[in-house]
Amino acid sequence: MRRSKICLTTNHDNHPAMTRADLIGRLAQLHTQLQAKDAELAVKVILDALSNTLSKGGRVEIRGFGSFTLNYRPPRQGHNPKTGAKVKVPAKYVPHFKAGKELRERVNEGD
């Protein structure tokens, strides 16, 4: 069972983080010809395409925004923090985002 995640985190300037629902609402607001359900479908399709490409080992690049890739983490020996027992942590791939030049410049304009 999947539950919607309510995001209560804030960034360093106490601005609330943008959630999926916020993104859908903003898209519907900017493009009045879209109904909320159309905006929701658009966001779902884009995020599904990103997830599917990454799950197949691919790379996603959005010019002016950034790129999503996978980083390999080799197996390692970990510790259970509660008991101190040694635990084998298996190898895994983790998503990685690298901001593009335009995004970095826009973010730094606010400084």
Protein backbone atom coordinates (compact mmCIF):
# COMPACT_ATOMS: atom_id res chain seq x y z
CA MET A 1 0.00 0.00 0.00
CA ARG A 2 1.46 3.37 -1.05
CA ARG A 3 0.66 6.46 0.96
CA SER A 4 1.18 10.03 -0.17
CA LYS A 5 4.18 11.57 1.46
CA ILE A 6 3.62 14.90 3.14
CA CYS A 7 6.81 16.87 2.93
CA LEU A 8 7.49 19.03 5.98
CA THR A 9 11.15 19.72 5.31
CA THR A 10 12.47 23.20 4.64
CA ASN A 11 15.61 24.49 3.00
CA HIS A 12 18.12 26.85 4.62
CA ASP A 13 15.85 29.91 4.16
CA ASN A 14 12.81 28.22 5.72
CA HIS A 15 11.07 27.87 2.37
CA PRO A 16 8.88 24.75 2.31
CA ALA A 17 10.02 21.99 -0.02
CA MET A 18 7.99 21.49 -3.20
CA THR A 19 5.98 18.28 -3.15
CA ARG A 20 4.52 16.35 -6.07
CA ALA A 21 1.11 17.88 -5.30
CA ASP A 22 2.66 21.37 -5.34
CA LEU A 23 4.23 20.66 -8.72
CA ILE A 24 0.91 19.43 -10.13
CA GLY A 25 -0.89 22.49 -8.76
CA ARG A 26 1.71 24.86 -10.19
CA LEU A 27 1.54 23.19 -13.61
CA ALA A 28 -2.26 23.44 -13.65
CA GLN A 29 -2.05 27.09 -12.53
CA LEU A 30 0.47 28.08 -15.22
CA HIS A 31 -1.38 26.22 -18.00
CA THR A 32 -5.05 26.99 -17.48
CA GLN A 33 -6.06 24.83 -20.44
CA LEU A 34 -5.01 21.81 -18.35
CA GLN A 35 -7.32 20.36 -15.76
CA ALA A 36 -5.76 19.20 -12.50
CA LYS A 37 -6.08 15.54 -13.54
CA ASP A 38 -4.25 16.30 -16.84
CA ALA A 39 -1.44 18.04 -14.95
CA GLU A 40 -1.29 15.09 -12.55
CA LEU A 41 -1.02 12.66 -15.48
CA ALA A 42 1.74 14.75 -17.09
CA VAL A 43 3.81 14.77 -13.90
CA LYS A 44 3.21 11.02 -13.40
CA VAL A 45 4.31 10.20 -16.96
CA ILE A 46 7.50 12.25 -16.65
CA LEU A 47 8.46 10.79 -13.28
CA ASP A 48 7.66 7.25 -14.45
CA ALA A 49 9.85 7.75 -17.53
CA LEU A 50 12.73 8.97 -15.34
CA SER A 51 12.31 6.04 -12.94
CA ASN A 52 12.04 3.43 -15.70
CA THR A 53 15.13 4.71 -17.50
CA LEU A 54 17.19 4.71 -14.30
CA SER A 55 15.93 1.27 -13.26
CA LYS A 56 17.20 -0.09 -16.59
CA GLY A 57 20.65 1.42 -15.94
CA GLY A 58 20.17 4.38 -18.27
CA ARG A 59 20.98 8.04 -17.89
CA VAL A 60 18.50 10.92 -18.06
CA GLU A 61 19.70 14.34 -19.17
CA ILE A 62 17.49 17.42 -19.18
CA ARG A 63 19.35 20.27 -20.87
CA GLY A 64 19.58 23.36 -18.71
CA PHE A 65 18.42 21.44 -15.64
CA GLY A 66 20.75 18.52 -14.98
CA SER A 67 21.31 14.81 -15.34
CA PHE A 68 20.29 11.73 -13.39
CA THR A 69 22.65 8.75 -13.29
CA LEU A 70 23.28 5.73 -11.09
CA ASN A 71 26.26 5.41 -8.76
CA TYR A 72 27.47 1.94 -7.80
CA ARG A 73 28.13 1.26 -4.14
CA PRO A 74 30.15 -1.91 -3.58
CA PRO A 75 29.30 -4.39 -0.81
CA ARG A 76 30.70 -3.51 2.59
CA GLN A 77 30.77 -4.50 6.22
CA GLY A 78 28.38 -2.43 8.32
CA HIS A 79 27.32 -2.37 11.95
CA ASN A 80 23.91 -2.52 13.54
CA PRO A 81 23.89 0.69 15.60
CA LYS A 82 21.61 -0.81 18.25
CA THR A 83 23.50 -4.04 18.93
CA GLY A 84 26.91 -3.33 17.43
CA ALA A 85 26.73 -6.60 15.48
CA LYS A 86 28.46 -6.77 12.10
CA VAL A 87 26.12 -6.76 9.12
CA LYS A 88 26.86 -7.41 5.46
CA VAL A 89 25.56 -4.53 3.34
CA PRO A 90 25.00 -5.74 -0.24
CA ALA A 91 26.13 -3.89 -3.34
CA LYS A 92 23.60 -1.47 -4.74
CA TYR A 93 23.01 1.33 -7.20
CA VAL A 94 21.83 4.70 -5.93
CA PRO A 95 20.38 7.55 -8.01
CA HIS A 96 22.59 10.61 -8.39
CA PHE A 97 21.62 14.07 -9.67
CA LYS A 98 24.12 16.53 -11.11
CA ALA A 99 22.79 20.03 -11.66
CA GLY A 100 23.35 21.60 -15.07
CA LYS A 101 25.13 24.91 -15.61
CA GLU A 102 21.93 26.94 -16.10
CA LEU A 103 20.36 25.56 -12.91
CA ARG A 104 23.51 26.24 -10.89
CA GLU A 105 23.60 29.82 -12.19
CA ARG A 106 19.90 30.43 -11.39
CA VAL A 107 20.31 29.04 -7.88
CA ASN A 108 23.35 31.22 -7.23
CA GLU A 109 21.64 34.39 -8.51
CA GLY A 110 19.78 34.55 -5.20
CA ASP A 111 23.03 34.92 -3.20
